[in-house]
PDB file of N, CA and C in Angstrom:
ATOM      1  N   MET A   1       0.842  -1.159   0.000  1.00  0.00           N
ATOM      2  CA  MET A   1       0.000   0.000   0.000  1.00  0.00           C
ATOM      3  C   MET A   1       0.903   1.242   0.000  1.00  0.00           C
ATOM      4  N   ASN A   2       0.606   2.194  -0.868  1.00  0.00           N
ATOM      5  CA  ASN A   2       1.416   3.391  -0.997  1.00  0.00           C
ATOM      6  C   ASN A   2       0.702   4.546  -0.298  1.00  0.00           C
ATOM      7  N   HIS A   3       1.332   5.117   0.708  1.00  0.00           N
ATOM      8  CA  HIS A   3       0.727   6.204   1.470  1.00  0.00           C
ATOM      9  C   HIS A   3       1.312   7.561   1.101  1.00  0.00           C
ATOM     10  N   ALA A   4       2.059   7.617   0.017  1.00  0.00           N
ATOM     11  CA  ALA A   4       2.672   8.876  -0.403  1.00  0.00           C
ATOM     12  C   ALA A   4       1.611   9.798  -1.003  1.00  0.00           C
ATOM     13  N   THR A   5       1.788  11.068  -0.752  1.00  0.00           N
ATOM     14  CA  THR A   5       0.876  12.054  -1.336  1.00  0.00           C
ATOM     15  C   THR A   5       1.207  12.237  -2.817  1.00  0.00           C
ATOM     16  N   ALA A   6       0.294  12.899  -3.518  1.00  0.00           N
ATOM     17  CA  ALA A   6       0.516  13.147  -4.943  1.00  0.00           C
ATOM     18  C   ALA A   6       1.781  13.978  -5.151  1.00  0.00           C
ATOM     19  N   ARG A   7       2.019  14.906  -4.257  1.00  0.00           N
ATOM     20  CA  ARG A   7       3.226  15.747  -4.366  1.00  0.00           C
ATOM     21  C   ARG A   7       4.477  14.906  -4.170  1.00  0.00           C
ATOM     22  N   LYS A   8       4.453  13.997  -3.226  1.00  0.00           N
ATOM     23  CA  LYS A   8       5.615  13.153  -2.957  1.00  0.00           C
ATOM     24  C   LYS A   8       5.872  12.216  -4.138  1.00  0.00           C
ATOM     25  N   ARG A   9       4.825  11.674  -4.759  1.00  0.00           N
ATOM     26  CA  ARG A   9       4.990  10.792  -5.917  1.00  0.00           C
ATOM     27  C   ARG A   9       5.554  11.549  -7.112  1.00  0.00           C
ATOM     28  N   ALA A  10       5.266  12.853  -7.217  1.00  0.00           N
ATOM     29  CA  ALA A  10       5.733  13.649  -8.350  1.00  0.00           C
ATOM     30  C   ALA A  10       7.146  14.181  -8.147  1.00  0.00           C
ATOM     31  N   ALA A  11       7.655  14.102  -6.932  1.00  0.00           N
ATOM     32  CA  ALA A  11       8.991  14.633  -6.653  1.00  0.00           C
ATOM     33  C   ALA A  11      10.031  13.889  -7.486  1.00  0.00           C
ATOM     34  N   GLY A  12      10.901  14.646  -8.091  1.00  0.00           N
ATOM     35  CA  GLY A  12      11.954  14.052  -8.910  1.00  0.00           C
ATOM     36  C   GLY A  12      11.544  13.792 -10.344  1.00  0.00           C
ATOM     37  N   LEU A  13      10.321  14.081 -10.706  1.00  0.00           N
ATOM     38  CA  LEU A  13       9.841  13.849 -12.062  1.00  0.00           C
ATOM     39  C   LEU A  13       9.871  15.118 -12.903  1.00  0.00           C
ATOM     40  N   GLY A  14      10.556  16.116 -12.447  1.00  0.00           N
ATOM     41  CA  GLY A  14      10.622  17.369 -13.192  1.00  0.00           C
ATOM     42  C   GLY A  14       9.958  18.475 -12.392  1.00  0.00           C
ATOM     43  N   SER A  15      10.195  19.688 -12.815  1.00  0.00           N
ATOM     44  CA  SER A  15       9.602  20.803 -12.102  1.00  0.00           C
ATOM     45  C   SER A  15       9.305  21.923 -13.077  1.00  0.00           C
ATOM     46  N   ALA A  16       8.608  22.908 -12.578  1.00  0.00           N
ATOM     47  CA  ALA A  16       8.257  24.061 -13.408  1.00  0.00           C
ATOM     48  C   ALA A  16       9.132  25.253 -13.076  1.00  0.00           C
ATOM     49  N   LYS A  17      10.344  25.001 -12.616  1.00  0.00           N
ATOM     50  CA  LYS A  17      11.208  26.107 -12.216  1.00  0.00           C
ATOM     51  C   LYS A  17      11.658  26.947 -13.401  1.00  0.00           C
ATOM     52  N   ARG A  18      11.966  26.316 -14.550  1.00  0.00           N
ATOM     53  CA  ARG A  18      12.517  27.061 -15.671  1.00  0.00           C
ATOM     54  C   ARG A  18      11.637  26.998 -16.911  1.00  0.00           C
ATOM     55  N   GLY A  19      10.564  26.280 -16.876  1.00  0.00           N
ATOM     56  CA  GLY A  19       9.716  26.155 -18.049  1.00  0.00           C
ATOM     57  C   GLY A  19       9.133  27.473 -18.517  1.00  0.00           C
ATOM     58  N   THR A  20       8.773  28.330 -17.594  1.00  0.00           N
ATOM     59  CA  THR A  20       8.210  29.618 -17.987  1.00  0.00           C
ATOM     60  C   THR A  20       9.264  30.531 -18.595  1.00  0.00           C
ATOM     61  N   ASP A  21      10.526  30.379 -18.159  1.00  0.00           N
ATOM     62  CA  ASP A  21      11.602  31.173 -18.764  1.00  0.00           C
ATOM     63  C   ASP A  21      11.732  30.863 -20.251  1.00  0.00           C
ATOM     64  N   HIS A  22      11.720  29.576 -20.592  1.00  0.00           N
ATOM     65  CA  HIS A  22      11.801  29.182 -21.997  1.00  0.00           C
ATOM     66  C   HIS A  22      10.597  29.718 -22.770  1.00  0.00           C
ATOM     67  N   PHE A  23       9.419  29.573 -22.168  1.00  0.00           N
ATOM     68  CA  PHE A  23       8.194  30.015 -22.835  1.00  0.00           C
ATOM     69  C   PHE A  23       8.237  31.512 -23.122  1.00  0.00           C
ATOM     70  N   TRP A  24       8.582  32.314 -22.106  1.00  0.00           N
ATOM     71  CA  TRP A  24       8.606  33.763 -22.297  1.00  0.00           C
ATOM     72  C   TRP A  24       9.725  34.193 -23.240  1.00  0.00           C
ATOM     73  N   GLY A  25      10.864  33.519 -23.168  1.00  0.00           N
ATOM     74  CA  GLY A  25      11.952  33.824 -24.093  1.00  0.00           C
ATOM     75  C   GLY A  25      11.548  33.582 -25.534  1.00  0.00           C
ATOM     76  N   MET A  26      10.897  32.469 -25.776  1.00  0.00           N
ATOM     77  CA  MET A  26      10.436  32.170 -27.134  1.00  0.00           C
ATOM     78  C   MET A  26       9.321  33.134 -27.558  1.00  0.00           C
ATOM     79  N   THR A  27       8.450  33.503 -26.642  1.00  0.00           N
ATOM     80  CA  THR A  27       7.375  34.432 -26.970  1.00  0.00           C
ATOM     81  C   THR A  27       7.921  35.815 -27.320  1.00  0.00           C
ATOM     82  N   VAL A  28       8.854  36.304 -26.519  1.00  0.00           N
ATOM     83  CA  VAL A  28       9.430  37.625 -26.775  1.00  0.00           C
ATOM     84  C   VAL A  28      10.190  37.629 -28.098  1.00  0.00           C
ATOM     85  N   SER A  29      10.986  36.584 -28.346  1.00  0.00           N
ATOM     86  CA  SER A  29      11.726  36.557 -29.615  1.00  0.00           C
ATOM     87  C   SER A  29      10.781  36.372 -30.799  1.00  0.00           C
ATOM     88  N   SER A  30       9.679  35.679 -30.611  1.00  0.00           N
ATOM     89  CA  SER A  30       8.688  35.546 -31.692  1.00  0.00           C
ATOM     90  C   SER A  30       8.068  36.894 -32.040  1.00  0.00           C
ATOM     91  N   VAL A  31       7.721  37.664 -31.026  1.00  0.00           N
ATOM     92  CA  VAL A  31       7.147  38.990 -31.276  1.00  0.00           C
ATOM     93  C   VAL A  31       8.184  39.895 -31.946  1.00  0.00           C
ATOM     94  N   ALA A  32       9.429  39.825 -31.472  1.00  0.00           N
ATOM     95  CA  ALA A  32      10.481  40.629 -32.098  1.00  0.00           C
ATOM     96  C   ALA A  32      10.666  40.235 -33.558  1.00  0.00           C
ATOM     97  N   LEU A  33      10.654  38.938 -33.846  1.00  0.00           N
ATOM     98  CA  LEU A  33      10.799  38.486 -35.230  1.00  0.00           C
ATOM     99  C   LEU A  33       9.589  38.858 -36.077  1.00  0.00           C
ATOM    100  N   ALA A  34       8.406  38.894 -35.476  1.00  0.00           N
ATOM    101  CA  ALA A  34       7.207  39.309 -36.218  1.00  0.00           C
ATOM    102  C   ALA A  34       7.319  40.757 -36.682  1.00  0.00           C
ATOM    103  N   ILE A  35       8.067  41.552 -35.956  1.00  0.00           N
ATOM    104  CA  ILE A  35       8.307  42.949 -36.356  1.00  0.00           C
ATOM    105  C   ILE A  35       9.512  43.042 -37.291  1.00  0.00           C
ATOM    106  N   LEU A  36      10.587  42.318 -36.968  1.00  0.00           N
ATOM    107  CA  LEU A  36      11.830  42.443 -37.721  1.00  0.00           C
ATOM    108  C   LEU A  36      11.786  41.810 -39.109  1.00  0.00           C
ATOM    109  N   ILE A  37      11.141  40.666 -39.241  1.00  0.00           N
ATOM    110  CA  ILE A  37      11.147  39.968 -40.540  1.00  0.00           C
ATOM    111  C   ILE A  37      10.483  40.797 -41.640  1.00  0.00           C
ATOM    112  N   PRO A  38       9.298  41.392 -41.426  1.00  0.00           N
ATOM    113  CA  PRO A  38       8.750  42.244 -42.489  1.00  0.00           C
ATOM    114  C   PRO A  38       9.658  43.430 -42.821  1.00  0.00           C
ATOM    115  N   LEU A  39      10.262  44.051 -41.801  1.00  0.00           N
ATOM    116  CA  LEU A  39      11.201  45.140 -42.067  1.00  0.00           C
ATOM    117  C   LEU A  39      12.393  44.648 -42.884  1.00  0.00           C
ATOM    118  N   PHE A  40      12.918  43.493 -42.531  1.00  0.00           N
ATOM    119  CA  PHE A  40      14.045  42.906 -43.249  1.00  0.00           C
ATOM    120  C   PHE A  40      13.670  42.620 -44.703  1.00  0.00           C
ATOM    121  N   VAL A  41      12.485  42.080 -44.923  1.00  0.00           N
ATOM    122  CA  VAL A  41      12.037  41.780 -46.294  1.00  0.00           C
ATOM    123  C   VAL A  41      11.846  43.069 -47.090  1.00  0.00           C
ATOM    124  N   ILE A  42      11.308  44.100 -46.460  1.00  0.00           N
ATOM    125  CA  ILE A  42      11.128  45.388 -47.137  1.00  0.00           C
ATOM    126  C   ILE A  42      12.481  45.985 -47.519  1.00  0.00           C
ATOM    127  N   ILE A  43      13.480  45.820 -46.655  1.00  0.00           N
ATOM    128  CA  ILE A  43      14.797  46.393 -46.921  1.00  0.00           C
ATOM    129  C   ILE A  43      15.589  45.548 -47.911  1.00  0.00           C
ATOM    130  N   VAL A  44      15.642  44.251 -47.698  1.00  0.00           N
ATOM    131  CA  VAL A  44      16.513  43.381 -48.489  1.00  0.00           C
ATOM    132  C   VAL A  44      15.807  42.858 -49.743  1.00  0.00           C
ATOM    133  N   GLY A  45      14.512  42.745 -49.716  1.00  0.00           N
ATOM    134  CA  GLY A  45      13.776  42.221 -50.869  1.00  0.00           C
ATOM    135  C   GLY A  45      14.088  42.921 -52.181  1.00  0.00           C
ATOM    136  N   PRO A  46      14.025  44.238 -52.225  1.00  0.00           N
ATOM    137  CA  PRO A  46      14.337  44.933 -53.477  1.00  0.00           C
ATOM    138  C   PRO A  46      15.795  44.789 -53.923  1.00  0.00           C
ATOM    139  N   LEU A  47      16.670  44.368 -53.042  1.00  0.00           N
ATOM    140  CA  LEU A  47      18.080  44.234 -53.390  1.00  0.00           C
ATOM    141  C   LEU A  47      18.404  42.915 -54.080  1.00  0.00           C
ATOM    142  N   ILE A  48      17.461  41.999 -54.075  1.00  0.00           N
ATOM    143  CA  ILE A  48      17.700  40.700 -54.705  1.00  0.00           C
ATOM    144  C   ILE A  48      17.851  40.891 -56.207  1.00  0.00           C
ATOM    145  N   GLY A  49      18.946  40.397 -56.732  1.00  0.00           N
ATOM    146  CA  GLY A  49      19.225  40.510 -58.156  1.00  0.00           C
ATOM    147  C   GLY A  49      19.963  41.774 -58.551  1.00  0.00           C
ATOM    148  N   GLU A  50      20.203  42.658 -57.604  1.00  0.00           N
ATOM    149  CA  GLU A  50      20.923  43.902 -57.907  1.00  0.00           C
ATOM    150  C   GLU A  50      22.430  43.631 -57.932  1.00  0.00           C
ATOM    151  N   GLU A  51      23.153  44.581 -58.459  1.00  0.00           N
ATOM    152  CA  GLU A  51      24.607  44.488 -58.510  1.00  0.00           C
ATOM    153  C   GLU A  51      25.191  44.549 -57.096  1.00  0.00           C
ATOM    154  N   HIS A  52      26.371  43.994 -56.931  1.00  0.00           N
ATOM    155  CA  HIS A  52      27.046  43.943 -55.633  1.00  0.00           C
ATOM    156  C   HIS A  52      27.220  45.336 -55.034  1.00  0.00           C
ATOM    157  N   GLY A  53      27.615  46.290 -55.847  1.00  0.00           N
ATOM    158  CA  GLY A  53      27.832  47.652 -55.352  1.00  0.00           C
ATOM    159  C   GLY A  53      26.576  48.284 -54.782  1.00  0.00           C
ATOM    160  N   GLU A  54      25.438  48.047 -55.437  1.00  0.00           N
ATOM    161  CA  GLU A  54      24.170  48.598 -54.934  1.00  0.00           C
ATOM    162  C   GLU A  54      23.779  47.970 -53.598  1.00  0.00           C
ATOM    163  N   VAL A  55      23.993  46.673 -53.480  1.00  0.00           N
ATOM    164  CA  VAL A  55      23.647  45.979 -52.237  1.00  0.00           C
ATOM    165  C   VAL A  55      24.524  46.494 -51.093  1.00  0.00           C
ATOM    166  N   VAL A  56      25.814  46.606 -51.344  1.00  0.00           N
ATOM    167  CA  VAL A  56      26.734  47.113 -50.319  1.00  0.00           C
ATOM    168  C   VAL A  56      26.368  48.541 -49.941  1.00  0.00           C
ATOM    169  N   GLU A  57      26.042  49.360 -50.930  1.00  0.00           N
ATOM    170  CA  GLU A  57      25.668  50.752 -50.658  1.00  0.00           C
ATOM    171  C   GLU A  57      24.403  50.828 -49.807  1.00  0.00           C
ATOM    172  N   ALA A  58      23.428  49.990 -50.115  1.00  0.00           N
ATOM    173  CA  ALA A  58      22.162  50.012 -49.365  1.00  0.00           C
ATOM    174  C   ALA A  58      22.369  49.533 -47.929  1.00  0.00           C
ATOM    175  N   LEU A  59      23.173  48.482 -47.745  1.00  0.00           N
ATOM    176  CA  LEU A  59      23.377  47.935 -46.401  1.00  0.00           C
ATOM    177  C   LEU A  59      24.412  48.722 -45.602  1.00  0.00           C
ATOM    178  N   ALA A  60      25.099  49.664 -46.228  1.00  0.00           N
ATOM    179  CA  ALA A  60      26.073  50.480 -45.512  1.00  0.00           C
ATOM    180  C   ALA A  60      25.404  51.583 -44.694  1.00  0.00           C
ATOM    181  N   ARG A  61      24.139  51.864 -44.990  1.00  0.00           N
ATOM    182  CA  ARG A  61      23.420  52.874 -44.208  1.00  0.00           C
ATOM    183  C   ARG A  61      23.055  52.298 -42.838  1.00  0.00           C
ATOM    184  N   PRO A  62      22.970  53.130 -41.808  1.00  0.00           N
ATOM    185  CA  PRO A  62      22.738  52.620 -40.450  1.00  0.00           C
ATOM    186  C   PRO A  62      21.412  51.875 -40.264  1.00  0.00           C
ATOM    187  N   GLY A  63      20.324  52.397 -40.804  1.00  0.00           N
ATOM    188  CA  GLY A  63      19.017  51.768 -40.608  1.00  0.00           C
ATOM    189  C   GLY A  63      18.965  50.337 -41.110  1.00  0.00           C
ATOM    190  N   PRO A  64      19.246  50.108 -42.387  1.00  0.00           N
ATOM    191  CA  PRO A  64      19.233  48.730 -42.889  1.00  0.00           C
ATOM    192  C   PRO A  64      20.249  47.821 -42.188  1.00  0.00           C
ATOM    193  N   ALA A  65      21.415  48.367 -41.838  1.00  0.00           N
ATOM    194  CA  ALA A  65      22.419  47.551 -41.159  1.00  0.00           C
ATOM    195  C   ALA A  65      21.930  47.121 -39.775  1.00  0.00           C
ATOM    196  N   ILE A  66      21.282  48.024 -39.055  1.00  0.00           N
ATOM    197  CA  ILE A  66      20.781  47.696 -37.715  1.00  0.00           C
ATOM    198  C   ILE A  66      19.651  46.680 -37.798  1.00  0.00           C
ATOM    199  N   VAL A  67      18.715  46.875 -38.717  1.00  0.00           N
ATOM    200  CA  VAL A  67      17.604  45.927 -38.868  1.00  0.00           C
ATOM    201  C   VAL A  67      18.140  44.549 -39.251  1.00  0.00           C
ATOM    202  N   THR A  68      19.101  44.503 -40.162  1.00  0.00           N
ATOM    203  CA  THR A  68      19.675  43.228 -40.584  1.00  0.00           C
ATOM    204  C   THR A  68      20.404  42.553 -39.425  1.00  0.00           C
ATOM    205  N   ALA A  69      21.194  43.316 -38.669  1.00  0.00           N
ATOM    206  CA  ALA A  69      21.925  42.748 -37.534  1.00  0.00           C
ATOM    207  C   ALA A  69      20.966  42.238 -36.460  1.00  0.00           C
ATOM    208  N   LEU A  70      19.933  43.003 -36.149  1.00  0.00           N
ATOM    209  CA  LEU A  70      18.949  42.559 -35.154  1.00  0.00           C
ATOM    210  C   LEU A  70      18.216  41.309 -35.620  1.00  0.00           C
ATOM    211  N   THR A  71      17.896  41.234 -36.902  1.00  0.00           N
ATOM    212  CA  THR A  71      17.224  40.052 -37.436  1.00  0.00           C
ATOM    213  C   THR A  71      18.122  38.827 -37.307  1.00  0.00           C
ATOM    214  N   ILE A  72      19.403  38.992 -37.587  1.00  0.00           N
ATOM    215  CA  ILE A  72      20.345  37.880 -37.454  1.00  0.00           C
ATOM    216  C   ILE A  72      20.439  37.420 -36.001  1.00  0.00           C
ATOM    217  N   VAL A  73      20.638  38.350 -35.089  1.00  0.00           N
ATOM    218  CA  VAL A  73      20.819  37.998 -33.675  1.00  0.00           C
ATOM    219  C   VAL A  73      19.559  37.358 -33.096  1.00  0.00           C
ATOM    220  N   VAL A  74      18.416  38.005 -33.283  1.00  0.00           N
ATOM    221  CA  VAL A  74      17.172  37.491 -32.705  1.00  0.00           C
ATOM    222  C   VAL A  74      16.766  36.181 -33.390  1.00  0.00           C
ATOM    223  N   GLY A  75      16.965  36.096 -34.696  1.00  0.00           N
ATOM    224  CA  GLY A  75      16.606  34.875 -35.423  1.00  0.00           C
ATOM    225  C   GLY A  75      17.403  33.668 -34.963  1.00  0.00           C
ATOM    226  N   PHE A  76      18.721  33.823 -34.829  1.00  0.00           N
ATOM    227  CA  PHE A  76      19.525  32.690 -34.379  1.00  0.00           C
ATOM    228  C   PHE A  76      19.309  32.377 -32.906  1.00  0.00           C
ATOM    229  N   ALA A  77      19.036  33.370 -32.078  1.00  0.00           N
ATOM    230  CA  ALA A  77      18.716  33.101 -30.669  1.00  0.00           C
ATOM    231  C   ALA A  77      17.403  32.317 -30.567  1.00  0.00           C
ATOM    232  N   HIS A  78      16.420  32.700 -31.356  1.00  0.00           N
ATOM    233  CA  HIS A  78      15.137  31.999 -31.370  1.00  0.00           C
ATOM    234  C   HIS A  78      15.318  30.558 -31.852  1.00  0.00           C
ATOM    235  N   PHE A  79      16.104  30.390 -32.915  1.00  0.00           N
ATOM    236  CA  PHE A  79      16.360  29.045 -33.429  1.00  0.00           C
ATOM    237  C   PHE A  79      17.082  28.187 -32.390  1.00  0.00           C
ATOM    238  N   LYS A  80      18.088  28.767 -31.732  1.00  0.00           N
ATOM    239  CA  LYS A  80      18.859  28.026 -30.729  1.00  0.00           C
ATOM    240  C   LYS A  80      17.962  27.547 -29.590  1.00  0.00           C
ATOM    241  N   ASN A  81      17.109  28.433 -29.089  1.00  0.00           N
ATOM    242  CA  ASN A  81      16.223  28.061 -27.980  1.00  0.00           C
ATOM    243  C   ASN A  81      15.182  27.030 -28.410  1.00  0.00           C
ATOM    244  N   GLY A  82      14.632  27.203 -29.591  1.00  0.00           N
ATOM    245  CA  GLY A  82      13.647  26.244 -30.081  1.00  0.00           C
ATOM    246  C   GLY A  82      14.251  24.875 -30.344  1.00  0.00           C
ATOM    247  N   ALA A  83      15.445  24.848 -30.942  1.00  0.00           N
ATOM    248  CA  ALA A  83      16.115  23.579 -31.201  1.00  0.00           C
ATOM    249  C   ALA A  83      16.493  22.890 -29.899  1.00  0.00           C
ATOM    250  N   ARG A  84      16.884  23.673 -28.897  1.00  0.00           N
ATOM    251  CA  ARG A  84      17.241  23.087 -27.604  1.00  0.00           C
ATOM    252  C   ARG A  84      16.026  22.400 -26.969  1.00  0.00           C
ATOM    253  N   VAL A  85      14.885  23.061 -26.995  1.00  0.00           N
ATOM    254  CA  VAL A  85      13.670  22.465 -26.428  1.00  0.00           C
ATOM    255  C   VAL A  85      13.305  21.193 -27.202  1.00  0.00           C
ATOM    256  N   LEU A  86      13.408  21.243 -28.499  1.00  0.00           N
ATOM    257  CA  LEU A  86      13.115  20.077 -29.331  1.00  0.00           C
ATOM    258  C   LEU A  86      14.049  18.920 -28.992  1.00  0.00           C
ATOM    259  N   ILE A  87      15.341  19.194 -28.883  1.00  0.00           N
ATOM    260  CA  ILE A  87      16.314  18.150 -28.553  1.00  0.00           C
ATOM    261  C   ILE A  87      16.055  17.599 -27.160  1.00  0.00           C
ATOM    262  N   GLU A  88      15.774  18.471 -26.196  1.00  0.00           N
ATOM    263  CA  GLU A  88      15.508  18.011 -24.834  1.00  0.00           C
ATOM    264  C   GLU A  88      14.285  17.104 -24.777  1.00  0.00           C
ATOM    265  N   ASP A  89      13.301  17.361 -25.625  1.00  0.00           N
ATOM    266  CA  ASP A  89      12.081  16.562 -25.618  1.00  0.00           C
ATOM    267  C   ASP A  89      12.252  15.202 -26.285  1.00  0.00           C
ATOM    268  N   TYR A  90      13.093  15.095 -27.304  1.00  0.00           N
ATOM    269  CA  TYR A  90      13.107  13.892 -28.128  1.00  0.00           C
ATOM    270  C   TYR A  90      14.418  13.124 -28.152  1.00  0.00           C
ATOM    271  N   VAL A  91      15.486  13.627 -27.544  1.00  0.00           N
ATOM    272  CA  VAL A  91      16.769  12.932 -27.562  1.00  0.00           C
ATOM    273  C   VAL A  91      17.210  12.723 -26.124  1.00  0.00           C
ATOM    274  N   GLY A  92      17.830  11.586 -25.862  1.00  0.00           N
ATOM    275  CA  GLY A  92      18.281  11.299 -24.509  1.00  0.00           C
ATOM    276  C   GLY A  92      19.748  10.954 -24.453  1.00  0.00           C
ATOM    277  N   GLY A  93      20.270  10.895 -23.238  1.00  0.00           N
ATOM    278  CA  GLY A  93      21.631  10.462 -23.007  1.00  0.00           C
ATOM    279  C   GLY A  93      22.684  11.430 -23.504  1.00  0.00           C
ATOM    280  N   PHE A  94      23.836  10.839 -23.897  1.00  0.00           N
ATOM    281  CA  PHE A  94      24.955  11.647 -24.364  1.00  0.00           C
ATOM    282  C   PHE A  94      24.615  12.375 -25.654  1.00  0.00           C
ATOM    283  N   ALA A  95      23.797  11.772 -26.500  1.00  0.00           N
ATOM    284  CA  ALA A  95      23.425  12.405 -27.770  1.00  0.00           C
ATOM    285  C   ALA A  95      22.728  13.734 -27.528  1.00  0.00           C
ATOM    286  N   ARG A  96      21.948  13.825 -26.463  1.00  0.00           N
ATOM    287  CA  ARG A  96      21.258  15.080 -26.131  1.00  0.00           C
ATOM    288  C   ARG A  96      22.267  16.192 -25.885  1.00  0.00           C
ATOM    289  N   GLU A  97      23.239  15.925 -25.031  1.00  0.00           N
ATOM    290  CA  GLU A  97      24.230  16.952 -24.710  1.00  0.00           C
ATOM    291  C   GLU A  97      25.065  17.315 -25.938  1.00  0.00           C
ATOM    292  N   ALA A  98      25.452  16.308 -26.711  1.00  0.00           N
ATOM    293  CA  ALA A  98      26.259  16.561 -27.909  1.00  0.00           C
ATOM    294  C   ALA A  98      25.494  17.396 -28.926  1.00  0.00           C
ATOM    295  N   MET A  99      24.217  17.103 -29.111  1.00  0.00           N
ATOM    296  CA  MET A  99      23.414  17.855 -30.077  1.00  0.00           C
ATOM    297  C   MET A  99      23.165  19.288 -29.607  1.00  0.00           C
ATOM    298  N   ILE A 100      22.952  19.474 -28.322  1.00  0.00           N
ATOM    299  CA  ILE A 100      22.753  20.829 -27.795  1.00  0.00           C
ATOM    300  C   ILE A 100      24.022  21.656 -27.999  1.00  0.00           C
ATOM    301  N   ILE A 101      25.173  21.057 -27.714  1.00  0.00           N
ATOM    302  CA  ILE A 101      26.439  21.764 -27.932  1.00  0.00           C
ATOM    303  C   ILE A 101      26.623  22.088 -29.402  1.00  0.00           C
ATOM    304  N   ALA A 102      26.312  21.130 -30.288  1.00  0.00           N
ATOM    305  CA  ALA A 102      26.462  21.354 -31.730  1.00  0.00           C
ATOM    306  C   ALA A 102      25.544  22.468 -32.223  1.00  0.00           C
ATOM    307  N   VAL A 103      24.302  22.498 -31.738  1.00  0.00           N
ATOM    308  CA  VAL A 103      23.367  23.553 -32.145  1.00  0.00           C
ATOM    309  C   VAL A 103      23.839  24.908 -31.638  1.00  0.00           C
ATOM    310  N   ASN A 104      24.355  24.956 -30.406  1.00  0.00           N
ATOM    311  CA  ASN A 104      24.885  26.216 -29.871  1.00  0.00           C
ATOM    312  C   ASN A 104      26.057  26.719 -30.705  1.00  0.00           C
ATOM    313  N   ILE A 105      26.971  25.825 -31.046  1.00  0.00           N
ATOM    314  CA  ILE A 105      28.116  26.215 -31.871  1.00  0.00           C
ATOM    315  C   ILE A 105      27.653  26.704 -33.226  1.00  0.00           C
ATOM    316  N   LEU A 106      26.723  25.991 -33.835  1.00  0.00           N
ATOM    317  CA  LEU A 106      26.193  26.384 -35.146  1.00  0.00           C
ATOM    318  C   LEU A 106      25.544  27.765 -35.086  1.00  0.00           C
ATOM    319  N   CYS A 107      24.698  27.987 -34.103  1.00  0.00           N
ATOM    320  CA  CYS A 107      23.972  29.258 -34.008  1.00  0.00           C
ATOM    321  C   CYS A 107      24.896  30.428 -33.700  1.00  0.00           C
ATOM    322  N   TYR A 108      25.778  30.260 -32.727  1.00  0.00           N
ATOM    323  CA  TYR A 108      26.689  31.354 -32.405  1.00  0.00           C
ATOM    324  C   TYR A 108      27.653  31.625 -33.558  1.00  0.00           C
ATOM    325  N   GLY A 109      28.116  30.569 -34.215  1.00  0.00           N
ATOM    326  CA  GLY A 109      29.016  30.751 -35.352  1.00  0.00           C
ATOM    327  C   GLY A 109      28.342  31.453 -36.514  1.00  0.00           C
ATOM    328  N   ALA A 110      27.128  31.038 -36.840  1.00  0.00           N
ATOM    329  CA  ALA A 110      26.405  31.668 -37.953  1.00  0.00           C
ATOM    330  C   ALA A 110      26.054  33.120 -37.626  1.00  0.00           C
ATOM    331  N   ALA A 111      25.634  33.384 -36.386  1.00  0.00           N
ATOM    332  CA  ALA A 111      25.310  34.762 -36.001  1.00  0.00           C
ATOM    333  C   ALA A 111      26.562  35.638 -36.023  1.00  0.00           C
ATOM    334  N   ALA A 112      27.673  35.116 -35.546  1.00  0.00           N
ATOM    335  CA  ALA A 112      28.921  35.889 -35.564  1.00  0.00           C
ATOM    336  C   ALA A 112      29.364  36.171 -36.994  1.00  0.00           C
ATOM    337  N   THR A 113      29.216  35.185 -37.869  1.00  0.00           N
ATOM    338  CA  THR A 113      29.577  35.384 -39.272  1.00  0.00           C
ATOM    339  C   THR A 113      28.703  36.457 -39.916  1.00  0.00           C
ATOM    340  N   GLY A 114      27.409  36.404 -39.651  1.00  0.00           N
ATOM    341  CA  GLY A 114      26.503  37.414 -40.191  1.00  0.00           C
ATOM    342  C   GLY A 114      26.799  38.808 -39.672  1.00  0.00           C
ATOM    343  N   LEU A 115      27.056  38.903 -38.374  1.00  0.00           N
ATOM    344  CA  LEU A 115      27.379  40.213 -37.800  1.00  0.00           C
ATOM    345  C   LEU A 115      28.721  40.745 -38.312  1.00  0.00           C
ATOM    346  N   PHE A 116      29.669  39.845 -38.503  1.00  0.00           N
ATOM    347  CA  PHE A 116      30.959  40.264 -39.063  1.00  0.00           C
ATOM    348  C   PHE A 116      30.764  40.817 -40.481  1.00  0.00           C
ATOM    349  N   ALA A 117      29.941  40.139 -41.282  1.00  0.00           N
ATOM    350  CA  ALA A 117      29.680  40.602 -42.648  1.00  0.00           C
ATOM    351  C   ALA A 117      28.985  41.946 -42.646  1.00  0.00           C
ATOM    352  N   ILE A 118      27.992  42.117 -41.797  1.00  0.00           N
ATOM    353  CA  ILE A 118      27.296  43.407 -41.718  1.00  0.00           C
ATOM    354  C   ILE A 118      28.255  44.491 -41.227  1.00  0.00           C
ATOM    355  N   GLY A 119      29.100  44.147 -40.272  1.00  0.00           N
ATOM    356  CA  GLY A 119      30.078  45.109 -39.781  1.00  0.00           C
ATOM    357  C   GLY A 119      31.067  45.528 -40.845  1.00  0.00           C
ATOM    358  N   LYS A 120      31.522  44.579 -41.654  1.00  0.00           N
ATOM    359  CA  LYS A 120      32.443  44.916 -42.743  1.00  0.00           C
ATOM    360  C   LYS A 120      31.781  45.834 -43.769  1.00  0.00           C
ATOM    361  N   ILE A 121      30.505  45.601 -44.031  1.00  0.00           N
ATOM    362  CA  ILE A 121      29.781  46.420 -45.014  1.00  0.00           C
ATOM    363  C   ILE A 121      29.498  47.807 -44.441  1.00  0.00           C
ATOM    364  N   ALA A 122      29.008  47.852 -43.207  1.00  0.00           N
ATOM    365  CA  ALA A 122      28.511  49.115 -42.641  1.00  0.00           C
ATOM    366  C   ALA A 122      29.627  50.027 -42.124  1.00  0.00           C
ATOM    367  N   LEU A 123      30.766  49.472 -41.795  1.00  0.00           N
ATOM    368  CA  LEU A 123      31.820  50.306 -41.208  1.00  0.00           C
ATOM    369  C   LEU A 123      32.897  50.652 -42.205  1.00  0.00           C
TER     370      LEU A 123
END
């Protein structure tokens, strides 16, 4: 006969200590991307198919450079957090840790590369 309370039976099965942090982080970055992506498309869309010099000239201005940099940073942060939650839900053991590290390296590397490119153009 088990005399443990429902709370005692649930102990050690996970907690809600950090779940809301992930939720709010993803919500805030989603709202930011909902604003940034249309701005990015309005700025970069007309540049598709243009000559290299025109693209560099357009992205050298502060407004387009800032919108592009913010889109890169927020987009990769959102992807990193979403991929981490996905991996935590569906992968176990050592593969989980290895995949989380790989996704972090990929996201930080791609964001740094994008910011470096924007910095070279804008500065």
